[in-house]
Every structure is written in structure tokens, then in C-alpha cells.
């Protein structure tokens, strides 16, 4: 079986969990004896082999490269999104890759930059199409359905206009997968993938079940909390800092924040909470980060499609406090006490206060090792291969 994977970005370009998850699957498919190629975007054309996976990196065909920190005007962004509705500029290159690689399956993931045009090209070449929902690109050109500090319960006029073609195109694929029940149902409820078979396959991880034999709890009086990820409002970093600023001075805590931010936003965050107990680490290795903390907090405001960092924290045997939005609440369904409502500014503070009033509460956090098996990379890759074979 030959599998051609499409994802907007791929190693070394990494912004979020999607790039990590897609690369892990690609390499696991290869380990399972499949011929695997990846079609992705970059600032220049390139073709090479990485860990037994063939990579075709195409120079982005739009009016700017969107994955840097440079400011773009509103009009430039609008033209970018209009072009991205059905971008035909890659047609010849993609057709050539189809002819050279001859894939049996086109496995698409994040499509921003490519557009759903790749589905049309695959369909005309009689290539089976399986799509995994990892963001909200098909509904929202910004991919997040989050605007002015709030989740979008319905699509605005601009999103409806820019997503009309994508919605129609979604009817023509062979199978759709959600990385959580939340993101899958969100699309189905909006009328996407009409009459297309579907299922949920969670993201896969490599881990050893033996690590769950004993929960690692804080040593000493001071509890070290941590956040790792993108530093922006939608991720709840401002809510996090504000909540800690209202703790009683007698509480002993430290807050480690890992992630990159430009200097102006970093200064804004420090103004929200300038306590010496808060340390901004910048970019750090995730293993080093988890070794520093006792409790992970995932305070996202937006409806995370999955929340990969939640599982990373659990695998590292940490207590995880998370907002009850999107896929996060699915991952922490066995630990409702450690969920909070991010729309209630005092709810995270409530959870923190309860922990300081009785640290033994942290012992309540649990995750069934047997349940964790559904998140193993080996199992999830075999579930994908089963879909590829049957559909």
C-alpha cells in the first residue's frame, strides 16, 4: 500500500500538535511496511527522504508565507484566504507527484495553504481519500473558530462565504476521521461530509504503561505548576496568570510558563502577574519542562480539537488541570474535579484554592492505564491502516 499524506507543515516546520501527530503516523506507517510520502509546504521546493518517508515540500503558492511573525495587512490576509478556497496553482506539481508515487490513499490532514483542491485532483485520478479533522479550516479560514476572545457558536458571514466551496467538496471524500468526538460532531452538525462514513481515532503516543504504577505528587510545601504551548489569549495564558494573581499570599507556589512570545506580548503578560513566583522559560524541551513541574495546567479558551499536551502530561505522570472545552474534556472525562469552565473567570481560581486547602486532593487524579492503550501510537496507526484497507 502506498500512502501519500498531505499536511500544511512538516518537520522541521512545527507550530502545534498536528505536525507532531502527522509525522509520528507517517513514520509508524513506514515501520508497518507501507510506502509513505508526505506532501507539505515550505518557502522553497524540496524533495528528500526523512526517516524512510519521502517528503515533497512545495513552495507556497499564495501572496505571502503565513507562518512567521511578520505583520500582514487585513487586505493581504483577505486575498490570501480567497486564493486558499480553491488554489489551482499547485495542480501540475501535485499531478506529477501522483504520477511518480502512484498513491493508493491520499491521507489529508491540515489543508490550509493547499485548499481542498487536492481532493479534486485525487478524485480525478481515482485515488481513495481519507481526511482527518485536526483544525477548523473547513469552516473558518483562520482554522480556529475563535474571534474577539470567544468561541464562534455559529459561522460569521465571511466564514460562510469562504467555506461554502469547502463544505461542498467534503461530500466527495471516502472517509473522515476526527481526532476527538467533539471536532467530528462539530463538523457533522454543520452539514459537512454528508453521507461520508466516519469514526474517531485519537492521536497516538509512545509510552510505557509501567510509569503509572505510582503517582508523582509534589514534594515539600511548594507546588510547582506549569504551562507549555503557544503564548496567546486563545490558549488561556492571560486567564492563567490572572487566576494566580488572586491566590492568598500564604499559598506557596511557583508557575513555570514555557513557550515563545514576542517582547511586547511578554511584557503584557508580566503586567497581568509580575510575581517573582512566575517564571517565563521561553522555548524549552518538553521532557525538561515536565521534570520541573508537579501539576500541568491547560487553560485553553478555544475549543481545542484534541489537546495533545493533556496526554503528554498524563504520560509524564503529572496531575493535569484543564478547561472543559473541545477535546480536552474528553481526555479528562475521568477527572471532572480537575476540569474548570474558562468562561467563568473565577472557576480556575476555585480549583487552585481547593488544592491549597487540601493537597491530598491531587491524589484523586487518576487515569486508567488500560484506557490509555487507545492512545498508543501502534494502536492508532493500525486503526488508520484498517480504514485505508476497508474504505
Protein backbone atom coordinates (compact mmCIF):
# COMPACT_ATOMS: atom_id res chain seq x y z
CA UNK A 1 0.00 0.00 0.00
CA UNK A 2 1.25 3.47 -0.94
CA UNK A 3 0.07 6.32 1.30
CA UNK A 4 0.52 9.98 0.37
CA UNK A 5 -0.02 12.21 3.39
CA UNK A 6 -0.94 15.87 2.99
CA UNK A 7 -0.37 18.32 5.83
CA UNK A 8 0.28 22.05 5.71
CA UNK A 9 3.54 21.79 7.68
CA UNK A 10 6.00 19.00 8.44
CA UNK A 11 9.33 18.67 10.21
CA UNK A 12 11.27 20.96 10.64
CA UNK A 13 8.30 23.37 10.47
CA UNK A 14 6.31 22.85 13.68
CA UNK A 15 3.68 25.10 15.21
CA UNK A 16 1.36 22.79 17.11
CA UNK A 17 0.42 19.21 17.84
CA UNK A 18 -0.77 18.43 14.30
CA UNK A 19 2.76 18.40 12.89
CA UNK A 20 3.96 16.08 15.66
CA UNK A 21 1.00 13.71 15.25
CA UNK A 22 1.23 13.52 11.47
CA UNK A 23 4.97 12.82 11.50
CA UNK A 24 4.52 10.11 14.13
CA UNK A 25 1.87 8.41 11.98
CA UNK A 26 3.92 8.71 8.79
CA UNK A 27 6.93 7.03 10.36
CA UNK A 28 4.79 4.35 12.04
CA UNK A 29 3.13 3.51 8.71
CA UNK A 30 6.61 3.09 7.26
CA UNK A 31 7.60 0.79 10.13
CA UNK A 32 4.50 -1.26 9.27
CA UNK A 33 5.92 -1.84 5.80
CA UNK A 34 3.92 0.76 3.85
CA UNK A 35 5.41 3.12 1.28
CA UNK A 36 4.82 6.58 2.67
CA UNK A 37 5.15 10.01 1.13
CA UNK A 38 4.35 13.43 2.57
CA UNK A 39 3.18 16.44 0.60
CA UNK A 40 3.75 19.63 2.57
CA UNK A 41 4.50 23.34 2.16
CA UNK A 42 7.62 25.43 2.60
CA UNK A 43 9.36 28.55 1.39
CA UNK A 44 11.12 26.63 -1.40
CA UNK A 45 10.55 23.44 -3.38
CA UNK A 46 12.41 20.43 -2.00
CA UNK A 47 12.32 16.64 -2.25
CA UNK A 48 14.16 14.29 0.13
CA UNK A 49 13.89 11.23 2.38
CA UNK A 50 13.43 11.63 6.14
CA UNK A 51 13.29 8.52 8.36
CA UNK A 52 12.21 6.33 5.42
CA UNK A 53 9.45 8.75 4.44
CA UNK A 54 9.59 10.57 1.10
CA UNK A 55 8.99 14.30 1.51
CA UNK A 56 7.74 16.60 -1.26
CA UNK A 57 7.88 20.16 0.01
CA UNK A 58 6.25 22.67 -2.31
CA UNK A 59 6.89 26.39 -2.29
CA UNK A 60 3.71 28.05 -1.05
CA UNK A 61 1.68 29.48 -3.92
CA UNK A 62 -0.01 32.49 -2.38
CA UNK A 63 0.76 36.14 -1.73
CA UNK A 64 2.84 35.55 1.43
CA UNK A 65 4.30 32.90 3.74
CA UNK A 66 1.87 32.90 6.71
CA UNK A 67 3.94 31.06 9.30
CA UNK A 68 6.27 33.78 10.51
CA UNK A 69 5.88 36.70 12.89
CA UNK A 70 5.67 39.38 10.21
CA UNK A 71 2.59 41.57 10.33
CA UNK A 72 0.28 41.40 7.31
CA UNK A 73 -2.37 43.89 6.33
CA UNK A 74 -6.05 42.99 6.52
CA UNK A 75 -6.40 43.24 2.75
CA UNK A 76 -3.41 40.94 2.19
CA UNK A 77 -4.92 38.39 4.57
CA UNK A 78 -8.26 38.59 2.78
CA UNK A 79 -6.65 37.94 -0.61
CA UNK A 80 -4.70 35.05 0.91
CA UNK A 81 -7.88 33.40 2.18
CA UNK A 82 -9.78 33.97 -1.07
CA UNK A 83 -6.96 32.33 -3.01
CA UNK A 84 -6.95 29.48 -0.49
CA UNK A 85 -10.56 28.49 -1.16
CA UNK A 86 -9.65 26.53 -4.31
CA UNK A 87 -5.97 27.01 -5.09
CA UNK A 88 -5.14 25.62 -8.56
CA UNK A 89 -1.54 26.85 -8.62
CA UNK A 90 -0.21 23.51 -7.37
CA UNK A 91 -2.08 21.40 -9.94
CA UNK A 92 0.83 20.47 -12.21
CA UNK A 93 3.21 19.72 -9.34
CA UNK A 94 0.67 17.58 -7.49
CA UNK A 95 -0.34 15.70 -10.64
CA UNK A 96 3.33 14.96 -11.28
CA UNK A 97 3.75 13.62 -7.73
CA UNK A 98 0.68 11.42 -8.23
CA UNK A 99 2.21 10.06 -11.43
CA UNK A 100 5.59 9.40 -9.82
CA UNK A 101 4.47 8.00 -6.45
CA UNK A 102 1.16 6.40 -7.58
CA UNK A 103 -0.56 6.51 -4.16
CA UNK A 104 -3.39 4.16 -3.24
CA UNK A 105 -4.51 6.52 -0.47
CA UNK A 106 -4.47 10.30 -0.21
CA UNK A 107 -4.47 10.88 3.54
CA UNK A 108 -5.19 14.57 4.13
CA UNK A 109 -4.89 16.47 7.41
CA UNK A 110 -4.48 20.23 7.81
CA UNK A 111 -5.17 21.74 4.38
CA UNK A 112 -4.56 25.45 4.91
CA UNK A 113 -2.32 26.63 2.05
CA UNK A 114 -3.24 23.68 -0.19
CA UNK A 115 -7.05 24.08 -0.15
CA UNK A 116 -9.50 21.25 -0.81
CA UNK A 117 -8.33 21.33 -4.41
CA UNK A 118 -6.12 18.32 -3.59
CA UNK A 119 -9.32 16.29 -3.12
CA UNK A 120 -10.49 17.14 -6.64
CA UNK A 121 -7.14 16.16 -8.12
CA UNK A 122 -7.14 12.85 -6.25
CA UNK A 123 -10.72 12.13 -7.26
CA UNK A 124 -9.91 12.68 -10.93
CA UNK A 125 -7.04 10.19 -10.54
CA UNK A 126 -9.24 7.58 -8.81
CA UNK A 127 -7.25 7.85 -5.57
CA UNK A 128 -9.07 7.00 -2.36
CA UNK A 129 -9.32 9.99 0.02
CA UNK A 130 -9.27 9.78 3.82
CA UNK A 131 -9.34 13.05 5.75
CA UNK A 132 -8.55 13.66 9.42
CA UNK A 133 -10.01 16.71 11.16
CA UNK A 134 -7.26 18.41 13.18
CA UNK A 135 -8.48 22.01 12.97
CA UNK A 136 -11.49 24.06 11.82
CA UNK A 137 -10.07 25.08 8.43
CA UNK A 138 -13.10 23.79 6.51
CA UNK A 139 -15.34 26.15 8.47
CA UNK A 140 -13.04 29.02 9.40
CA UNK A 141 -10.17 30.35 7.24
CA UNK A 142 -8.25 31.18 10.44
CA UNK A 143 -8.71 27.48 11.37
CA UNK A 144 -9.75 28.16 14.99
CA UNK A 145 -13.40 29.36 15.12
CA UNK A 146 -12.30 31.82 17.78
CA UNK A 147 -12.78 35.57 17.47
CA UNK A 148 -12.61 38.54 19.82
CA UNK A 149 -11.82 36.35 22.79
CA UNK A 150 -14.73 33.96 22.29
CA UNK A 151 -15.52 30.70 20.52
CA UNK A 152 -17.77 31.08 17.49
CA UNK A 153 -21.04 29.21 18.07
CA UNK A 154 -22.08 29.96 14.51
CA UNK A 155 -20.19 30.99 11.41
CA UNK A 156 -19.93 34.68 10.56
CA UNK A 157 -20.76 35.91 7.07
CA UNK A 158 -17.12 35.89 5.93
CA UNK A 159 -16.60 32.30 7.11
CA UNK A 160 -19.81 31.14 5.45
CA UNK A 161 -18.72 32.66 2.14
CA UNK A 162 -15.16 31.34 2.31
CA UNK A 163 -16.22 27.87 3.45
CA UNK A 164 -19.09 27.22 1.01
CA UNK A 165 -16.90 25.51 -1.58
CA UNK A 166 -15.07 23.52 1.10
CA UNK A 167 -18.36 22.24 2.50
CA UNK A 168 -19.47 21.07 -0.93
CA UNK A 169 -16.10 19.41 -1.55
CA UNK A 170 -16.34 17.49 1.74
CA UNK A 171 -19.15 15.34 0.30
CA UNK A 172 -16.79 13.73 -2.19
CA UNK A 173 -14.19 12.12 0.06
CA UNK A 174 -14.26 8.44 1.03
CA UNK A 175 -13.85 8.57 4.81
CA UNK A 176 -13.49 11.20 7.55
CA UNK A 177 -11.81 10.81 10.93
CA UNK A 178 -11.97 13.09 13.97
CA UNK A 179 -9.13 13.26 16.49
CA UNK A 180 -11.90 13.74 19.07
CA UNK A 181 -15.61 13.19 19.09
CA UNK A 182 -16.01 16.93 19.62
CA UNK A 183 -14.37 18.07 16.40
CA UNK A 184 -16.03 15.32 14.36
CA UNK A 185 -19.53 16.10 15.62
CA UNK A 186 -18.92 19.84 15.24
CA UNK A 187 -18.39 19.35 11.50
CA UNK A 188 -21.19 16.83 11.04
CA UNK A 189 -23.62 19.14 12.84
CA UNK A 190 -22.67 21.91 10.42
CA UNK A 191 -23.59 19.69 7.46
CA UNK A 192 -20.10 18.66 6.40
CA UNK A 193 -19.26 15.20 4.99
CA UNK A 194 -22.82 14.36 4.06
CA UNK A 195 -23.22 10.57 3.66
CA UNK A 196 -19.49 10.04 4.22
CA UNK A 197 -18.57 7.23 6.69
CA UNK A 198 -16.71 8.40 9.80
CA UNK A 199 -15.12 7.45 13.10
CA UNK A 200 -12.96 8.87 15.90
CA UNK A 201 -9.27 7.92 16.15
CA UNK A 202 -7.39 9.73 18.88
CA UNK A 203 -3.81 10.93 18.42
CA UNK A 204 -1.16 8.31 19.14
CA UNK A 205 1.75 8.43 21.59
CA UNK A 206 4.69 6.24 22.52
CA UNK A 207 4.76 5.35 26.21
CA UNK A 208 5.29 2.60 28.77
CA UNK A 209 2.30 1.66 30.94
CA UNK A 210 4.58 0.86 33.86
CA UNK A 211 5.07 4.55 34.55
CA UNK A 212 1.56 4.67 36.04
CA UNK A 213 2.40 2.36 38.91
CA UNK A 214 2.81 5.29 41.31
CA UNK A 215 1.56 8.87 41.01
CA UNK A 216 4.26 11.51 41.44
CA UNK A 217 2.93 14.15 43.82
CA UNK A 218 4.55 17.43 44.99
CA UNK A 219 7.41 17.13 47.44
CA UNK A 220 7.52 19.78 50.15
CA UNK A 221 5.17 22.69 50.73
CA UNK A 222 5.58 24.49 47.40
CA UNK A 223 3.53 23.23 44.44
CA UNK A 224 5.10 23.86 41.04
CA UNK A 225 2.50 24.43 38.34
CA UNK A 226 3.32 24.59 34.66
CA UNK A 227 2.02 25.66 31.27
CA UNK A 228 3.60 24.72 27.93
CA UNK A 229 2.46 25.78 24.48
CA UNK A 230 1.76 28.82 22.37
CA UNK A 231 1.51 32.06 24.33
CA UNK A 232 -1.68 33.79 23.21
CA UNK A 233 -5.08 34.70 24.55
CA UNK A 234 -6.94 31.76 22.95
CA UNK A 235 -4.68 29.36 24.86
CA UNK A 236 -5.82 30.94 28.13
CA UNK A 237 -2.43 32.24 29.27
CA UNK A 238 -3.93 35.55 30.42
CA UNK A 239 -6.64 33.72 32.37
CA UNK A 240 -3.96 31.53 33.95
CA UNK A 241 -1.85 34.46 35.13
CA UNK A 242 -4.85 36.39 36.37
CA UNK A 243 -6.08 33.42 38.40
CA UNK A 244 -2.73 33.03 40.18
CA UNK A 245 -2.67 36.75 40.97
CA UNK A 246 -5.75 36.25 43.18
CA UNK A 247 -4.33 33.47 45.36
CA UNK A 248 -3.80 34.09 49.03
CA UNK A 249 -0.27 35.25 49.82
CA UNK A 250 0.11 32.38 52.28
CA UNK A 251 -0.12 29.83 49.44
CA UNK A 252 3.26 28.50 48.38
CA UNK A 253 3.51 28.02 44.62
CA UNK A 254 5.59 28.56 41.52
CA UNK A 255 4.35 28.84 37.94
CA UNK A 256 6.61 27.81 35.06
CA UNK A 257 5.47 29.06 31.65
CA UNK A 258 7.14 27.54 28.58
CA UNK A 259 6.58 28.95 25.11
CA UNK A 260 7.70 31.72 22.80
CA UNK A 261 6.17 35.19 22.63
CA UNK A 262 7.25 38.49 21.18
CA UNK A 263 8.59 41.03 23.65
CA UNK A 264 5.51 43.28 23.64
CA UNK A 265 3.11 40.44 24.47
CA UNK A 266 5.50 39.05 27.06
CA UNK A 267 5.51 42.46 28.77
CA UNK A 268 1.71 42.46 28.73
CA UNK A 269 1.66 39.04 30.41
CA UNK A 270 4.10 40.23 33.08
CA UNK A 271 1.83 43.17 33.80
CA UNK A 272 -1.06 40.78 34.47
CA UNK A 273 1.04 38.91 37.01
CA UNK A 274 4.50 40.20 37.85
CA UNK A 275 5.03 37.87 40.81
CA UNK A 276 8.52 36.51 41.37
CA UNK A 277 6.83 33.11 41.58
CA UNK A 278 6.11 33.26 37.83
CA UNK A 279 8.95 32.28 35.51
CA UNK A 280 8.81 32.58 31.73
CA UNK A 281 11.08 29.90 30.32
CA UNK A 282 10.80 30.64 26.60
CA UNK A 283 11.15 27.62 24.33
CA UNK A 284 12.24 24.52 26.26
CA UNK A 285 12.42 20.80 25.60
CA UNK A 286 9.16 19.24 26.77
CA UNK A 287 10.90 16.50 28.79
CA UNK A 288 12.94 19.12 30.67
CA UNK A 289 9.75 21.10 31.29
CA UNK A 290 7.79 18.17 32.75
CA UNK A 291 10.71 17.32 35.02
CA UNK A 292 10.38 20.80 36.55
CA UNK A 293 6.67 20.73 37.45
CA UNK A 294 4.16 18.94 39.69
CA UNK A 295 0.89 19.98 38.04
CA UNK A 296 0.19 20.82 34.40
CA UNK A 297 -2.49 23.40 33.60
CA UNK A 298 -4.14 23.50 30.16
CA UNK A 299 -6.32 26.65 30.33
CA UNK A 300 -7.45 26.90 26.68
CA UNK A 301 -10.32 29.26 25.90
CA UNK A 302 -10.83 27.95 22.36
CA UNK A 303 -12.31 24.56 21.56
CA UNK A 304 -9.12 22.53 21.18
CA UNK A 305 -9.71 19.73 18.65
CA UNK A 306 -7.77 17.34 20.89
CA UNK A 307 -5.34 18.88 23.39
CA UNK A 308 -2.19 16.84 22.82
CA UNK A 309 -0.40 18.39 25.79
CA UNK A 310 -3.01 16.86 28.15
CA UNK A 311 -1.92 13.34 27.18
CA UNK A 312 1.72 14.36 27.29
CA UNK A 313 1.20 15.46 30.89
CA UNK A 314 -0.59 12.23 31.78
CA UNK A 315 2.12 10.13 30.15
CA UNK A 316 4.68 12.07 32.21
CA UNK A 317 2.62 11.08 35.28
CA UNK A 318 1.55 14.61 36.17
CA UNK A 319 -1.71 15.86 37.59
CA UNK A 320 -3.49 17.78 34.81
CA UNK A 321 -5.95 20.63 35.30
CA UNK A 322 -7.79 21.52 32.09
CA UNK A 323 -10.58 23.68 30.74
CA UNK A 324 -13.79 21.83 29.86
CA UNK A 325 -13.82 22.79 26.18
CA UNK A 326 -13.40 20.90 22.91
CA UNK A 327 -11.46 17.66 23.06
CA UNK A 328 -9.87 18.45 26.44
CA UNK A 329 -12.97 17.45 28.39
CA UNK A 330 -12.99 14.08 26.59
CA UNK A 331 -9.42 13.40 27.65
CA UNK A 332 -10.14 14.35 31.28
CA UNK A 333 -13.60 12.80 31.48
CA UNK A 334 -12.48 10.53 34.35
CA UNK A 335 -11.26 13.55 36.31
CA UNK A 336 -14.16 16.04 36.40
CA UNK A 337 -12.82 17.60 39.60
CA UNK A 338 -9.80 18.85 37.64
CA UNK A 339 -11.88 20.49 34.90
CA UNK A 340 -12.93 24.14 35.02
CA UNK A 341 -15.07 26.48 32.96
CA UNK A 342 -12.78 29.04 31.23
CA UNK A 343 -15.76 31.30 30.58
CA UNK A 344 -16.14 31.73 34.35
CA UNK A 345 -13.13 33.82 35.32
CA UNK A 346 -13.26 32.52 38.89
CA UNK A 347 -13.53 28.80 38.15
CA UNK A 348 -9.82 28.07 37.67
CA UNK A 349 -9.16 30.05 40.84
CA UNK A 350 -11.71 27.83 42.62
CA UNK A 351 -9.80 24.69 41.61
CA UNK A 352 -6.48 26.20 42.70
CA UNK A 353 -7.88 27.27 46.08
CA UNK A 354 -9.29 23.81 46.70
CA UNK A 355 -5.86 22.28 46.06
CA UNK A 356 -4.17 24.61 48.52
CA UNK A 357 -6.85 23.94 51.14
CA UNK A 358 -6.15 20.21 50.89
CA UNK A 359 -3.19 18.98 48.85
CA UNK A 360 -4.43 15.40 49.19
CA UNK A 361 -6.98 16.31 46.52
CA UNK A 362 -4.19 15.84 43.98
CA UNK A 363 -4.23 12.13 44.80
CA UNK A 364 -7.72 11.94 43.29
CA UNK A 365 -6.31 12.48 39.83
CA UNK A 366 -6.20 9.15 38.03
CA UNK A 367 -6.04 7.70 34.55
CA UNK A 368 -6.75 4.04 33.85
CA UNK A 369 -3.66 2.51 32.21
CA UNK A 370 -5.93 0.16 30.25
CA UNK A 371 -7.83 3.11 28.82
CA UNK A 372 -4.54 4.71 27.86
CA UNK A 373 -3.96 1.93 25.35
CA UNK A 374 -6.40 3.64 22.96
CA UNK A 375 -3.82 6.42 22.67
CA UNK A 376 -0.86 4.21 21.80
CA UNK A 377 0.78 5.12 18.51
CA UNK A 378 0.91 1.49 17.45
CA UNK A 379 -2.83 1.04 18.00
CA UNK A 380 -3.88 4.29 16.34
CA UNK A 381 -1.71 3.60 13.29
CA UNK A 382 -3.29 0.15 12.90
CA UNK A 383 -6.75 1.75 13.14
CA UNK A 384 -5.82 4.09 10.30
CA UNK A 385 -4.48 1.24 8.20
CA UNK A 386 -7.73 -0.64 8.78
CA UNK A 387 -9.67 2.36 7.44
CA UNK A 388 -7.33 2.67 4.45
CA UNK A 389 -7.80 -1.01 3.62
CA UNK A 390 -11.59 -1.17 4.01
CA UNK A 391 -12.62 2.15 2.56
